[in-house]
Amino acid sequence: MIDHKPKTLPAIILPECVLLPHCGLPLHIHEERYRAMIKDALQSHRMMCVATKAPDHDLTPNANEIEAIGTAGVIRACVGQSDGSSNLMLQGVGRVHFDHWHLENDAPYPLADLTWIDEDQSKSPRRADALRNEVINILNDRLCQEESDARQLLDHLQSTNDPGQVADLVAYHILGDDTQLMRSVLEATDHSDRLELVCARLHTFH
């Protein structure tokens, strides 16, 4: 999705929050450390990661309390507020594995050394294509014509040949209330595995 893939990126660590590639996450930035992080990011590559921690952990958890897989994103828009906070839109651009954390003792805000995960993996491309079509057919049968946003999403899904993108977009925009599913989809690096998770959930979705 992007040409430049930094090996170290700043990260915002949030409880029970999952961002998937190809999707957008609105954020309100008010903590001083994250204000500094956004300022630095906007002056360089405009990139940051979203990392997930359990909701009962401290504001700055230990490295072993942060999920190993997260999402790198690009700041597409950022609007500063009169109180110094800012509202921004972060677009997910790729899955990453957090290899090493630089937390509050040695960095002004969370920084992570990371490895980018290959987004083009499928042990069975034919199976992935079949599952992509099944997911689209389920949505086509269930979405009401009046749901214009959902129909626009379906039109986009039908126009893309990327099965991994189909899985991410459906999980995020249709099944996004299921945080555990979102987490599982994020951690599924194979397109077929990702689509199977989404397809199974759609069959029970009302």
N, C-alpha and C. Protein backbone atom coordinates (compact mmCIF):
# COMPACT_ATOMS: atom_id res chain seq x y z
N MET A 1 0.81 -1.21 0.00
CA MET A 1 0.00 0.00 0.00
C MET A 1 0.85 1.27 0.00
N ILE A 2 2.07 1.17 0.54
CA ILE A 2 2.98 2.31 0.56
C ILE A 2 4.37 1.83 0.16
N ASP A 3 5.18 2.75 -0.34
CA ASP A 3 6.54 2.40 -0.75
C ASP A 3 7.52 2.45 0.41
N HIS A 4 7.38 3.49 1.25
CA HIS A 4 8.32 3.67 2.36
C HIS A 4 7.77 3.02 3.62
N LYS A 5 8.52 2.06 4.16
CA LYS A 5 8.09 1.34 5.35
C LYS A 5 9.14 1.48 6.44
N PRO A 6 9.00 2.48 7.30
CA PRO A 6 9.98 2.70 8.37
C PRO A 6 10.09 1.49 9.29
N LYS A 7 11.27 1.30 9.84
CA LYS A 7 11.51 0.19 10.78
C LYS A 7 11.19 0.58 12.22
N THR A 8 11.04 1.87 12.47
CA THR A 8 10.64 2.36 13.79
C THR A 8 9.57 3.41 13.60
N LEU A 9 8.49 3.30 14.39
CA LEU A 9 7.39 4.26 14.28
C LEU A 9 6.84 4.58 15.67
N PRO A 10 6.31 5.79 15.83
CA PRO A 10 5.58 6.09 17.07
C PRO A 10 4.27 5.33 17.08
N ALA A 11 3.72 5.18 18.27
CA ALA A 11 2.47 4.41 18.38
C ALA A 11 1.58 5.00 19.47
N ILE A 12 0.30 4.96 19.22
CA ILE A 12 -0.68 5.27 20.25
C ILE A 12 -1.21 3.94 20.77
N ILE A 13 -1.19 3.79 22.08
CA ILE A 13 -1.58 2.52 22.72
C ILE A 13 -2.95 2.71 23.35
N LEU A 14 -3.93 1.97 22.85
CA LEU A 14 -5.31 2.18 23.25
C LEU A 14 -5.93 0.87 23.74
N PRO A 15 -6.86 0.95 24.68
CA PRO A 15 -7.54 -0.26 25.15
C PRO A 15 -8.60 -0.72 24.16
N GLU A 16 -8.57 -2.01 23.83
CA GLU A 16 -9.63 -2.62 23.03
C GLU A 16 -9.89 -1.87 21.72
N CYS A 17 -8.84 -1.34 21.11
CA CYS A 17 -9.00 -0.61 19.85
C CYS A 17 -8.23 -1.34 18.76
N VAL A 18 -8.90 -1.61 17.64
CA VAL A 18 -8.25 -2.31 16.53
C VAL A 18 -8.48 -1.49 15.26
N LEU A 19 -7.39 -1.18 14.57
CA LEU A 19 -7.46 -0.57 13.24
C LEU A 19 -6.99 -1.61 12.24
N LEU A 20 -7.71 -1.73 11.13
CA LEU A 20 -7.31 -2.66 10.07
C LEU A 20 -6.80 -1.88 8.87
N PRO A 21 -5.89 -2.48 8.10
CA PRO A 21 -5.45 -1.83 6.86
C PRO A 21 -6.65 -1.53 5.95
N HIS A 22 -6.52 -0.48 5.16
CA HIS A 22 -7.54 -0.02 4.21
C HIS A 22 -8.67 0.74 4.91
N CYS A 23 -8.62 0.85 6.24
CA CYS A 23 -9.73 1.46 6.98
C CYS A 23 -9.27 2.73 7.68
N GLY A 24 -10.23 3.57 8.07
CA GLY A 24 -9.91 4.83 8.71
C GLY A 24 -10.35 4.86 10.16
N LEU A 25 -9.54 5.49 11.00
CA LEU A 25 -9.84 5.61 12.42
C LEU A 25 -9.76 7.07 12.84
N PRO A 26 -10.89 7.68 13.26
CA PRO A 26 -10.83 9.05 13.78
C PRO A 26 -10.30 9.04 15.21
N LEU A 27 -9.41 9.95 15.51
CA LEU A 27 -8.81 10.02 16.85
C LEU A 27 -8.84 11.46 17.35
N HIS A 28 -9.11 11.60 18.64
CA HIS A 28 -8.98 12.90 19.31
C HIS A 28 -7.74 12.84 20.18
N ILE A 29 -6.76 13.66 19.88
CA ILE A 29 -5.48 13.62 20.57
C ILE A 29 -5.42 14.76 21.59
N HIS A 30 -5.30 14.40 22.88
CA HIS A 30 -5.27 15.44 23.90
C HIS A 30 -4.11 15.28 24.89
N GLU A 31 -3.60 14.05 25.08
CA GLU A 31 -2.48 13.86 26.00
C GLU A 31 -1.23 14.56 25.46
N GLU A 32 -0.45 15.15 26.38
CA GLU A 32 0.74 15.90 25.97
C GLU A 32 1.71 15.05 25.16
N ARG A 33 1.93 13.81 25.60
CA ARG A 33 2.91 12.97 24.90
C ARG A 33 2.45 12.66 23.48
N TYR A 34 1.15 12.47 23.30
CA TYR A 34 0.64 12.17 21.97
C TYR A 34 0.55 13.43 21.11
N ARG A 35 0.37 14.59 21.74
CA ARG A 35 0.44 15.85 20.98
C ARG A 35 1.84 16.00 20.37
N ALA A 36 2.86 15.71 21.18
CA ALA A 36 4.24 15.79 20.68
C ALA A 36 4.48 14.77 19.58
N MET A 37 3.91 13.59 19.74
CA MET A 37 4.06 12.54 18.74
C MET A 37 3.46 12.96 17.40
N ILE A 38 2.25 13.52 17.44
CA ILE A 38 1.59 13.95 16.21
C ILE A 38 2.37 15.07 15.54
N LYS A 39 2.87 16.01 16.34
CA LYS A 39 3.66 17.11 15.78
C LYS A 39 4.88 16.58 15.04
N ASP A 40 5.60 15.64 15.65
CA ASP A 40 6.78 15.07 15.00
C ASP A 40 6.40 14.29 13.75
N ALA A 41 5.32 13.53 13.83
CA ALA A 41 4.90 12.72 12.67
C ALA A 41 4.52 13.61 11.49
N LEU A 42 3.81 14.69 11.76
CA LEU A 42 3.38 15.58 10.68
C LEU A 42 4.56 16.28 10.02
N GLN A 43 5.65 16.41 10.75
CA GLN A 43 6.84 17.05 10.20
C GLN A 43 7.75 16.07 9.47
N SER A 44 7.37 14.78 9.46
CA SER A 44 8.22 13.78 8.80
C SER A 44 7.38 12.92 7.86
N HIS A 45 7.16 11.66 8.22
CA HIS A 45 6.50 10.71 7.32
C HIS A 45 4.99 10.63 7.51
N ARG A 46 4.43 11.35 8.48
CA ARG A 46 2.99 11.36 8.77
C ARG A 46 2.47 9.98 9.17
N MET A 47 3.36 9.14 9.70
CA MET A 47 2.95 7.78 10.03
C MET A 47 3.01 7.51 11.52
N MET A 48 2.13 6.62 11.97
CA MET A 48 2.10 6.16 13.35
C MET A 48 1.39 4.82 13.38
N CYS A 49 1.49 4.13 14.50
CA CYS A 49 0.84 2.83 14.66
C CYS A 49 -0.26 2.91 15.71
N VAL A 50 -1.19 1.99 15.60
CA VAL A 50 -2.18 1.76 16.64
C VAL A 50 -1.87 0.41 17.28
N ALA A 51 -1.64 0.44 18.58
CA ALA A 51 -1.36 -0.78 19.34
C ALA A 51 -2.47 -0.97 20.37
N THR A 52 -2.72 -2.22 20.73
CA THR A 52 -3.82 -2.55 21.63
C THR A 52 -3.30 -3.07 22.96
N LYS A 53 -3.89 -2.57 24.03
CA LYS A 53 -3.60 -3.10 25.36
C LYS A 53 -4.92 -3.49 26.02
N ALA A 54 -4.83 -4.33 27.03
CA ALA A 54 -6.03 -4.70 27.77
C ALA A 54 -6.57 -3.48 28.52
N PRO A 55 -7.89 -3.36 28.68
CA PRO A 55 -8.46 -2.15 29.29
C PRO A 55 -8.09 -1.94 30.75
N ASP A 56 -7.67 -3.00 31.45
CA ASP A 56 -7.37 -2.85 32.87
C ASP A 56 -5.90 -2.56 33.14
N HIS A 57 -5.10 -2.38 32.08
CA HIS A 57 -3.70 -2.08 32.29
C HIS A 57 -3.47 -0.58 32.44
N ASP A 58 -2.28 -0.23 32.92
CA ASP A 58 -1.95 1.17 33.17
C ASP A 58 -1.96 1.98 31.88
N LEU A 59 -1.94 3.32 32.06
CA LEU A 59 -1.92 4.24 30.93
C LEU A 59 -0.76 3.92 29.99
N THR A 60 0.41 3.68 30.57
CA THR A 60 1.57 3.23 29.79
C THR A 60 1.92 1.83 30.27
N PRO A 61 1.45 0.80 29.59
CA PRO A 61 1.67 -0.57 30.04
C PRO A 61 3.10 -1.02 29.78
N ASN A 62 3.47 -2.14 30.38
CA ASN A 62 4.73 -2.76 30.04
C ASN A 62 4.64 -3.35 28.64
N ALA A 63 5.80 -3.58 28.04
CA ALA A 63 5.82 -4.08 26.67
C ALA A 63 5.08 -5.40 26.54
N ASN A 64 5.16 -6.25 27.58
CA ASN A 64 4.50 -7.56 27.49
C ASN A 64 3.00 -7.48 27.70
N GLU A 65 2.47 -6.30 27.96
CA GLU A 65 1.02 -6.11 28.10
C GLU A 65 0.39 -5.54 26.83
N ILE A 66 1.21 -5.38 25.78
CA ILE A 66 0.74 -4.83 24.51
C ILE A 66 0.68 -5.96 23.49
N GLU A 67 -0.41 -6.03 22.74
CA GLU A 67 -0.54 -7.06 21.71
C GLU A 67 0.60 -6.95 20.70
N ALA A 68 1.09 -8.10 20.24
CA ALA A 68 2.28 -8.12 19.38
C ALA A 68 2.01 -7.62 17.97
N ILE A 69 0.77 -7.73 17.51
CA ILE A 69 0.42 -7.31 16.15
C ILE A 69 -0.41 -6.04 16.21
N GLY A 70 -0.06 -5.08 15.38
CA GLY A 70 -0.82 -3.84 15.30
C GLY A 70 -0.90 -3.37 13.85
N THR A 71 -1.30 -2.13 13.68
CA THR A 71 -1.46 -1.58 12.33
C THR A 71 -0.75 -0.24 12.22
N ALA A 72 0.03 -0.10 11.16
CA ALA A 72 0.63 1.19 10.85
C ALA A 72 -0.34 1.99 10.00
N GLY A 73 -0.36 3.30 10.22
CA GLY A 73 -1.28 4.14 9.46
C GLY A 73 -0.65 5.45 9.06
N VAL A 74 -1.30 6.11 8.13
CA VAL A 74 -0.88 7.43 7.65
C VAL A 74 -1.92 8.46 8.09
N ILE A 75 -1.46 9.57 8.62
CA ILE A 75 -2.36 10.66 9.02
C ILE A 75 -2.83 11.36 7.75
N ARG A 76 -4.09 11.18 7.41
CA ARG A 76 -4.64 11.77 6.19
C ARG A 76 -5.14 13.19 6.42
N ALA A 77 -5.58 13.49 7.63
CA ALA A 77 -6.06 14.83 7.94
C ALA A 77 -5.87 15.07 9.42
N CYS A 78 -5.56 16.32 9.79
CA CYS A 78 -5.38 16.67 11.19
C CYS A 78 -5.79 18.12 11.38
N VAL A 79 -6.69 18.35 12.32
CA VAL A 79 -7.20 19.70 12.59
C VAL A 79 -6.92 20.03 14.06
N GLY A 80 -6.12 21.06 14.28
CA GLY A 80 -5.81 21.49 15.64
C GLY A 80 -6.97 22.24 16.27
N GLN A 81 -7.12 22.09 17.58
CA GLN A 81 -8.18 22.75 18.33
C GLN A 81 -7.59 23.87 19.20
N SER A 82 -8.44 24.76 19.66
CA SER A 82 -7.98 25.92 20.43
C SER A 82 -7.31 25.54 21.75
N ASP A 83 -7.65 24.37 22.29
CA ASP A 83 -7.07 23.94 23.56
C ASP A 83 -5.77 23.16 23.39
N GLY A 84 -5.27 23.07 22.15
CA GLY A 84 -4.03 22.36 21.90
C GLY A 84 -4.21 20.92 21.48
N SER A 85 -5.41 20.40 21.63
CA SER A 85 -5.69 19.04 21.17
C SER A 85 -5.88 19.05 19.65
N SER A 86 -6.08 17.89 19.08
CA SER A 86 -6.31 17.82 17.64
C SER A 86 -7.19 16.63 17.30
N ASN A 87 -7.91 16.77 16.21
CA ASN A 87 -8.71 15.68 15.66
C ASN A 87 -8.06 15.23 14.37
N LEU A 88 -7.86 13.94 14.24
CA LEU A 88 -7.20 13.46 13.04
C LEU A 88 -7.87 12.20 12.50
N MET A 89 -7.59 11.92 11.24
CA MET A 89 -8.04 10.69 10.60
C MET A 89 -6.81 9.89 10.21
N LEU A 90 -6.73 8.68 10.75
CA LEU A 90 -5.61 7.79 10.49
C LEU A 90 -6.08 6.67 9.57
N GLN A 91 -5.41 6.49 8.45
CA GLN A 91 -5.76 5.41 7.52
C GLN A 91 -4.77 4.27 7.67
N GLY A 92 -5.29 3.08 7.97
CA GLY A 92 -4.42 1.92 8.10
C GLY A 92 -3.79 1.55 6.77
N VAL A 93 -2.48 1.28 6.80
CA VAL A 93 -1.77 0.95 5.56
C VAL A 93 -1.05 -0.40 5.62
N GLY A 94 -0.96 -1.02 6.79
CA GLY A 94 -0.29 -2.31 6.84
C GLY A 94 -0.21 -2.90 8.23
N ARG A 95 -0.19 -4.23 8.28
CA ARG A 95 0.01 -4.94 9.53
C ARG A 95 1.48 -4.91 9.91
N VAL A 96 1.74 -4.79 11.21
CA VAL A 96 3.12 -4.78 11.69
C VAL A 96 3.23 -5.65 12.94
N HIS A 97 4.43 -6.19 13.12
CA HIS A 97 4.75 -6.91 14.36
C HIS A 97 5.66 -6.02 15.19
N PHE A 98 5.29 -5.79 16.43
CA PHE A 98 6.10 -4.95 17.32
C PHE A 98 7.23 -5.80 17.90
N ASP A 99 8.45 -5.51 17.47
CA ASP A 99 9.61 -6.30 17.90
C ASP A 99 10.19 -5.81 19.22
N HIS A 100 10.20 -4.50 19.40
CA HIS A 100 10.78 -3.93 20.63
C HIS A 100 10.15 -2.58 20.90
N TRP A 101 9.84 -2.33 22.17
CA TRP A 101 9.20 -1.07 22.56
C TRP A 101 10.19 -0.15 23.26
N HIS A 102 10.10 1.14 22.94
CA HIS A 102 10.77 2.21 23.68
C HIS A 102 9.66 2.99 24.38
N LEU A 103 9.52 2.78 25.66
CA LEU A 103 8.42 3.40 26.39
C LEU A 103 8.90 4.60 27.19
N GLU A 104 8.20 4.97 28.24
CA GLU A 104 8.39 6.29 28.86
C GLU A 104 9.77 6.51 29.45
N ASN A 105 10.53 5.46 29.74
CA ASN A 105 11.84 5.65 30.34
C ASN A 105 12.89 6.15 29.35
N ASP A 106 12.70 5.86 28.06
CA ASP A 106 13.73 6.25 27.09
C ASP A 106 13.15 6.89 25.83
N ALA A 107 11.92 7.37 25.90
CA ALA A 107 11.32 8.05 24.74
C ALA A 107 10.23 9.00 25.24
N PRO A 108 10.03 10.14 24.55
CA PRO A 108 9.00 11.10 24.99
C PRO A 108 7.59 10.59 24.76
N TYR A 109 7.45 9.62 23.89
CA TYR A 109 6.16 8.97 23.62
C TYR A 109 6.48 7.56 23.12
N PRO A 110 5.50 6.66 23.10
CA PRO A 110 5.80 5.28 22.72
C PRO A 110 6.37 5.17 21.30
N LEU A 111 7.48 4.46 21.19
CA LEU A 111 8.10 4.16 19.90
C LEU A 111 8.28 2.65 19.81
N ALA A 112 8.12 2.11 18.61
CA ALA A 112 8.27 0.67 18.44
C ALA A 112 9.17 0.36 17.26
N ASP A 113 10.14 -0.53 17.49
CA ASP A 113 10.86 -1.15 16.38
C ASP A 113 9.95 -2.26 15.86
N LEU A 114 9.78 -2.33 14.55
CA LEU A 114 8.76 -3.22 14.04
C LEU A 114 9.17 -3.91 12.74
N THR A 115 8.43 -4.95 12.42
CA THR A 115 8.57 -5.67 11.16
C THR A 115 7.24 -5.60 10.43
N TRP A 116 7.28 -5.20 9.17
CA TRP A 116 6.06 -5.16 8.37
C TRP A 116 5.69 -6.57 7.92
N ILE A 117 4.42 -6.89 8.03
CA ILE A 117 3.92 -8.22 7.68
C ILE A 117 3.47 -8.22 6.22
N ASP A 118 3.86 -9.25 5.50
CA ASP A 118 3.49 -9.38 4.09
C ASP A 118 1.97 -9.41 3.95
N GLU A 119 1.42 -8.50 3.15
CA GLU A 119 -0.04 -8.41 2.98
C GLU A 119 -0.54 -9.22 1.79
N ASP A 120 0.33 -9.93 1.10
CA ASP A 120 -0.07 -10.64 -0.11
C ASP A 120 0.02 -12.15 0.04
N GLN A 121 -0.25 -12.63 1.24
CA GLN A 121 -0.12 -14.05 1.50
C GLN A 121 -1.44 -14.79 1.31
N SER A 122 -1.39 -15.91 0.63
CA SER A 122 -2.54 -16.81 0.53
C SER A 122 -2.03 -18.19 0.18
N LYS A 123 -2.24 -19.14 1.09
CA LYS A 123 -1.78 -20.50 0.82
C LYS A 123 -2.62 -21.16 -0.26
N SER A 124 -3.81 -20.61 -0.50
CA SER A 124 -4.69 -21.15 -1.54
C SER A 124 -5.43 -20.00 -2.22
N PRO A 125 -4.83 -19.40 -3.25
CA PRO A 125 -5.48 -18.27 -3.94
C PRO A 125 -6.88 -18.62 -4.45
N ARG A 126 -7.06 -19.84 -4.92
CA ARG A 126 -8.39 -20.23 -5.42
C ARG A 126 -9.41 -20.23 -4.29
N ARG A 127 -9.01 -20.74 -3.12
CA ARG A 127 -9.89 -20.74 -1.96
C ARG A 127 -10.21 -19.31 -1.52
N ALA A 128 -9.20 -18.45 -1.55
CA ALA A 128 -9.40 -17.06 -1.16
C ALA A 128 -10.39 -16.37 -2.10
N ASP A 129 -10.27 -16.63 -3.39
CA ASP A 129 -11.20 -16.02 -4.35
C ASP A 129 -12.62 -16.52 -4.13
N ALA A 130 -12.76 -17.82 -3.84
CA ALA A 130 -14.09 -18.38 -3.60
C ALA A 130 -14.72 -17.76 -2.35
N LEU A 131 -13.92 -17.60 -1.30
CA LEU A 131 -14.43 -17.00 -0.07
C LEU A 131 -14.77 -15.52 -0.27
N ARG A 132 -13.95 -14.83 -1.05
CA ARG A 132 -14.26 -13.43 -1.38
C ARG A 132 -15.63 -13.33 -2.02
N ASN A 133 -15.89 -14.20 -2.99
CA ASN A 133 -17.18 -14.17 -3.68
C ASN A 133 -18.32 -14.53 -2.73
N GLU A 134 -18.07 -15.47 -1.82
CA GLU A 134 -19.12 -15.85 -0.87
C GLU A 134 -19.46 -14.69 0.06
N VAL A 135 -18.44 -14.00 0.55
CA VAL A 135 -18.67 -12.85 1.43
C VAL A 135 -19.49 -11.78 0.70
N ILE A 136 -19.12 -11.49 -0.53
CA ILE A 136 -19.83 -10.47 -1.30
C ILE A 136 -21.27 -10.89 -1.56
N ASN A 137 -21.48 -12.16 -1.85
CA ASN A 137 -22.84 -12.65 -2.11
C ASN A 137 -23.71 -12.57 -0.85
N ILE A 138 -23.13 -12.89 0.30
CA ILE A 138 -23.89 -12.78 1.56
C ILE A 138 -24.32 -11.34 1.79
N LEU A 139 -23.38 -10.42 1.61
CA LEU A 139 -23.70 -9.00 1.81
C LEU A 139 -24.74 -8.52 0.81
N ASN A 140 -24.61 -8.96 -0.41
CA ASN A 140 -25.55 -8.54 -1.45
C ASN A 140 -26.97 -9.00 -1.13
N ASP A 141 -27.09 -10.17 -0.51
CA ASP A 141 -28.40 -10.70 -0.15
C ASP A 141 -29.00 -9.98 1.06
N ARG A 142 -28.14 -9.50 1.95
CA ARG A 142 -28.64 -8.98 3.24
C ARG A 142 -28.75 -7.46 3.31
N LEU A 143 -27.98 -6.75 2.50
CA LEU A 143 -28.00 -5.30 2.61
C LEU A 143 -29.25 -4.72 1.95
N CYS A 144 -29.85 -3.79 2.63
CA CYS A 144 -31.04 -3.14 2.09
C CYS A 144 -30.63 -2.09 1.06
N GLN A 145 -31.46 -1.91 0.07
CA GLN A 145 -31.18 -0.93 -0.97
C GLN A 145 -31.10 0.48 -0.38
N GLU A 146 -31.82 0.73 0.72
CA GLU A 146 -31.84 2.07 1.30
C GLU A 146 -30.54 2.41 2.03
N GLU A 147 -29.74 1.43 2.37
CA GLU A 147 -28.51 1.67 3.11
C GLU A 147 -27.42 2.12 2.14
N SER A 148 -27.40 3.41 1.83
CA SER A 148 -26.53 3.91 0.77
C SER A 148 -25.05 3.69 1.08
N ASP A 149 -24.65 3.91 2.35
CA ASP A 149 -23.24 3.72 2.71
C ASP A 149 -22.84 2.26 2.53
N ALA A 150 -23.71 1.36 2.95
CA ALA A 150 -23.42 -0.06 2.81
C ALA A 150 -23.36 -0.47 1.34
N ARG A 151 -24.24 0.10 0.53
CA ARG A 151 -24.22 -0.23 -0.89
C ARG A 151 -22.95 0.29 -1.55
N GLN A 152 -22.48 1.46 -1.13
CA GLN A 152 -21.23 1.99 -1.67
C GLN A 152 -20.07 1.07 -1.31
N LEU A 153 -20.08 0.56 -0.08
CA LEU A 153 -19.05 -0.38 0.33
C LEU A 153 -19.11 -1.64 -0.53
N LEU A 154 -20.31 -2.15 -0.74
CA LEU A 154 -20.47 -3.35 -1.55
C LEU A 154 -19.97 -3.12 -2.98
N ASP A 155 -20.28 -1.97 -3.54
CA ASP A 155 -19.80 -1.65 -4.89
C ASP A 155 -18.28 -1.67 -4.93
N HIS A 156 -17.65 -1.14 -3.88
CA HIS A 156 -16.18 -1.13 -3.83
C HIS A 156 -15.64 -2.55 -3.71
N LEU A 157 -16.27 -3.36 -2.87
CA LEU A 157 -15.82 -4.75 -2.69
C LEU A 157 -15.90 -5.52 -4.00
N GLN A 158 -16.94 -5.27 -4.77
CA GLN A 158 -17.11 -5.96 -6.04
C GLN A 158 -16.09 -5.52 -7.07
N SER A 159 -15.52 -4.33 -6.88
CA SER A 159 -14.58 -3.80 -7.86
C SER A 159 -13.12 -4.17 -7.56
N THR A 160 -12.85 -4.71 -6.36
CA THR A 160 -11.48 -5.05 -6.02
C THR A 160 -11.24 -6.55 -6.12
N ASN A 161 -10.06 -6.91 -6.59
CA ASN A 161 -9.68 -8.32 -6.69
C ASN A 161 -8.79 -8.75 -5.52
N ASP A 162 -8.63 -7.88 -4.53
CA ASP A 162 -7.77 -8.16 -3.39
C ASP A 162 -8.62 -8.82 -2.29
N PRO A 163 -8.51 -10.14 -2.11
CA PRO A 163 -9.34 -10.81 -1.10
C PRO A 163 -9.03 -10.36 0.32
N GLY A 164 -7.78 -10.03 0.59
CA GLY A 164 -7.43 -9.56 1.93
C GLY A 164 -8.09 -8.24 2.26
N GLN A 165 -8.17 -7.36 1.27
CA GLN A 165 -8.83 -6.07 1.47
C GLN A 165 -10.32 -6.27 1.72
N VAL A 166 -10.93 -7.20 1.01
CA VAL A 166 -12.35 -7.49 1.22
C VAL A 166 -12.59 -7.92 2.66
N ALA A 167 -11.76 -8.82 3.17
CA ALA A 167 -11.92 -9.29 4.54
C ALA A 167 -11.77 -8.14 5.54
N ASP A 168 -10.75 -7.31 5.35
CA ASP A 168 -10.51 -6.21 6.28
C ASP A 168 -11.67 -5.21 6.27
N LEU A 169 -12.14 -4.85 5.10
CA LEU A 169 -13.20 -3.84 5.00
C LEU A 169 -14.52 -4.34 5.58
N VAL A 170 -14.86 -5.59 5.32
CA VAL A 170 -16.11 -6.13 5.86
C VAL A 170 -16.02 -6.27 7.38
N ALA A 171 -14.89 -6.77 7.87
CA ALA A 171 -14.73 -6.90 9.32
C ALA A 171 -14.85 -5.54 10.00
N TYR A 172 -14.27 -4.53 9.40
CA TYR A 172 -14.22 -3.21 10.04
C TYR A 172 -15.55 -2.47 9.94
N HIS A 173 -16.14 -2.47 8.74
CA HIS A 173 -17.31 -1.63 8.51
C HIS A 173 -18.64 -2.34 8.79
N ILE A 174 -18.68 -3.65 8.68
CA ILE A 174 -19.93 -4.38 8.89
C ILE A 174 -19.94 -5.08 10.25
N LEU A 175 -18.81 -5.62 10.66
CA LEU A 175 -18.73 -6.42 11.88
C LEU A 175 -17.88 -5.75 12.96
N GLY A 176 -17.70 -4.44 12.86
CA GLY A 176 -16.77 -3.73 13.72
C GLY A 176 -17.10 -3.72 15.19
N ASP A 177 -18.34 -4.04 15.56
CA ASP A 177 -18.70 -4.09 16.98
C ASP A 177 -18.11 -5.31 17.68
N ASP A 178 -17.66 -6.28 16.90
CA ASP A 178 -17.09 -7.51 17.45
C ASP A 178 -15.57 -7.34 17.55
N THR A 179 -15.12 -6.82 18.68
CA THR A 179 -13.69 -6.51 18.84
C THR A 179 -12.83 -7.76 18.75
N GLN A 180 -13.30 -8.87 19.29
CA GLN A 180 -12.52 -10.10 19.25
C GLN A 180 -12.34 -10.58 17.81
N LEU A 181 -13.40 -10.47 17.01
CA LEU A 181 -13.28 -10.83 15.60
C LEU A 181 -12.27 -9.93 14.90
N MET A 182 -12.36 -8.64 15.17
CA MET A 182 -11.43 -7.68 14.57
C MET A 182 -9.99 -8.05 14.91
N ARG A 183 -9.77 -8.42 16.16
CA ARG A 183 -8.43 -8.81 16.61
C ARG A 183 -7.97 -10.05 15.85
N SER A 184 -8.86 -11.02 15.70
CA SER A 184 -8.51 -12.26 15.00
C SER A 184 -8.22 -12.00 13.53
N VAL A 185 -9.01 -11.13 12.91
CA VAL A 185 -8.78 -10.78 11.50
C VAL A 185 -7.44 -10.07 11.35
N LEU A 186 -7.12 -9.18 12.27
CA LEU A 186 -5.84 -8.48 12.21
C LEU A 186 -4.68 -9.46 12.29
N GLU A 187 -4.80 -10.47 13.13
CA GLU A 187 -3.70 -11.41 13.35
C GLU A 187 -3.63 -12.51 12.30
N ALA A 188 -4.66 -12.63 11.46
CA ALA A 188 -4.67 -13.64 10.40
C ALA A 188 -3.94 -13.10 9.18
N THR A 189 -2.73 -13.57 8.95
CA THR A 189 -1.93 -13.03 7.85
C THR A 189 -2.30 -13.64 6.51
N ASP A 190 -2.90 -14.83 6.52
CA ASP A 190 -3.29 -15.47 5.27
C ASP A 190 -4.69 -15.01 4.86
N HIS A 191 -4.84 -14.65 3.59
CA HIS A 191 -6.12 -14.14 3.10
C HIS A 191 -7.26 -15.13 3.31
N SER A 192 -7.01 -16.40 3.05
CA SER A 192 -8.07 -17.40 3.20
C SER A 192 -8.52 -17.51 4.65
N ASP A 193 -7.57 -17.54 5.58
CA ASP A 193 -7.92 -17.62 7.00
C ASP A 193 -8.73 -16.40 7.42
N ARG A 194 -8.33 -15.24 6.93
CA ARG A 194 -9.01 -13.99 7.26
C ARG A 194 -10.46 -14.02 6.75
N LEU A 195 -10.62 -14.44 5.52
CA LEU A 195 -11.95 -14.49 4.92
C LEU A 195 -12.84 -15.54 5.57
N GLU A 196 -12.26 -16.65 5.99
CA GLU A 196 -13.04 -17.67 6.68
C GLU A 196 -13.62 -17.14 7.99
N LEU A 197 -12.83 -16.35 8.71
CA LEU A 197 -13.32 -15.73 9.95
C LEU A 197 -14.50 -14.81 9.67
N VAL A 198 -14.35 -13.99 8.64
CA VAL A 198 -15.40 -13.03 8.29
C VAL A 198 -16.65 -13.76 7.80
N CYS A 199 -16.45 -14.75 6.96
CA CYS A 199 -17.57 -15.49 6.39
C CYS A 199 -18.37 -16.20 7.47
N ALA A 200 -17.68 -16.85 8.40
CA ALA A 200 -18.35 -17.56 9.48
C ALA A 200 -19.17 -16.60 10.33
N ARG A 201 -18.62 -15.41 10.59
CA ARG A 201 -19.35 -14.43 11.41
C ARG A 201 -20.55 -13.88 10.65
N LEU A 202 -20.42 -13.68 9.35
CA LEU A 202 -21.54 -13.17 8.57
C LEU A 202 -22.72 -14.13 8.57
N HIS A 203 -22.44 -15.43 8.62
CA HIS A 203 -23.52 -16.41 8.61
C HIS A 203 -24.36 -16.34 9.89
N THR A 204 -23.80 -15.77 10.96
CA THR A 204 -24.55 -15.65 12.22
C THR A 204 -24.92 -14.20 12.51
N PHE A 205 -24.59 -13.31 11.59
CA PHE A 205 -24.81 -11.88 11.80
C PHE A 205 -26.24 -11.50 11.45
N HIS A 206 -26.86 -10.70 12.33
CA HIS A 206 -28.24 -10.26 12.09
C HIS A 206 -28.29 -8.74 12.07
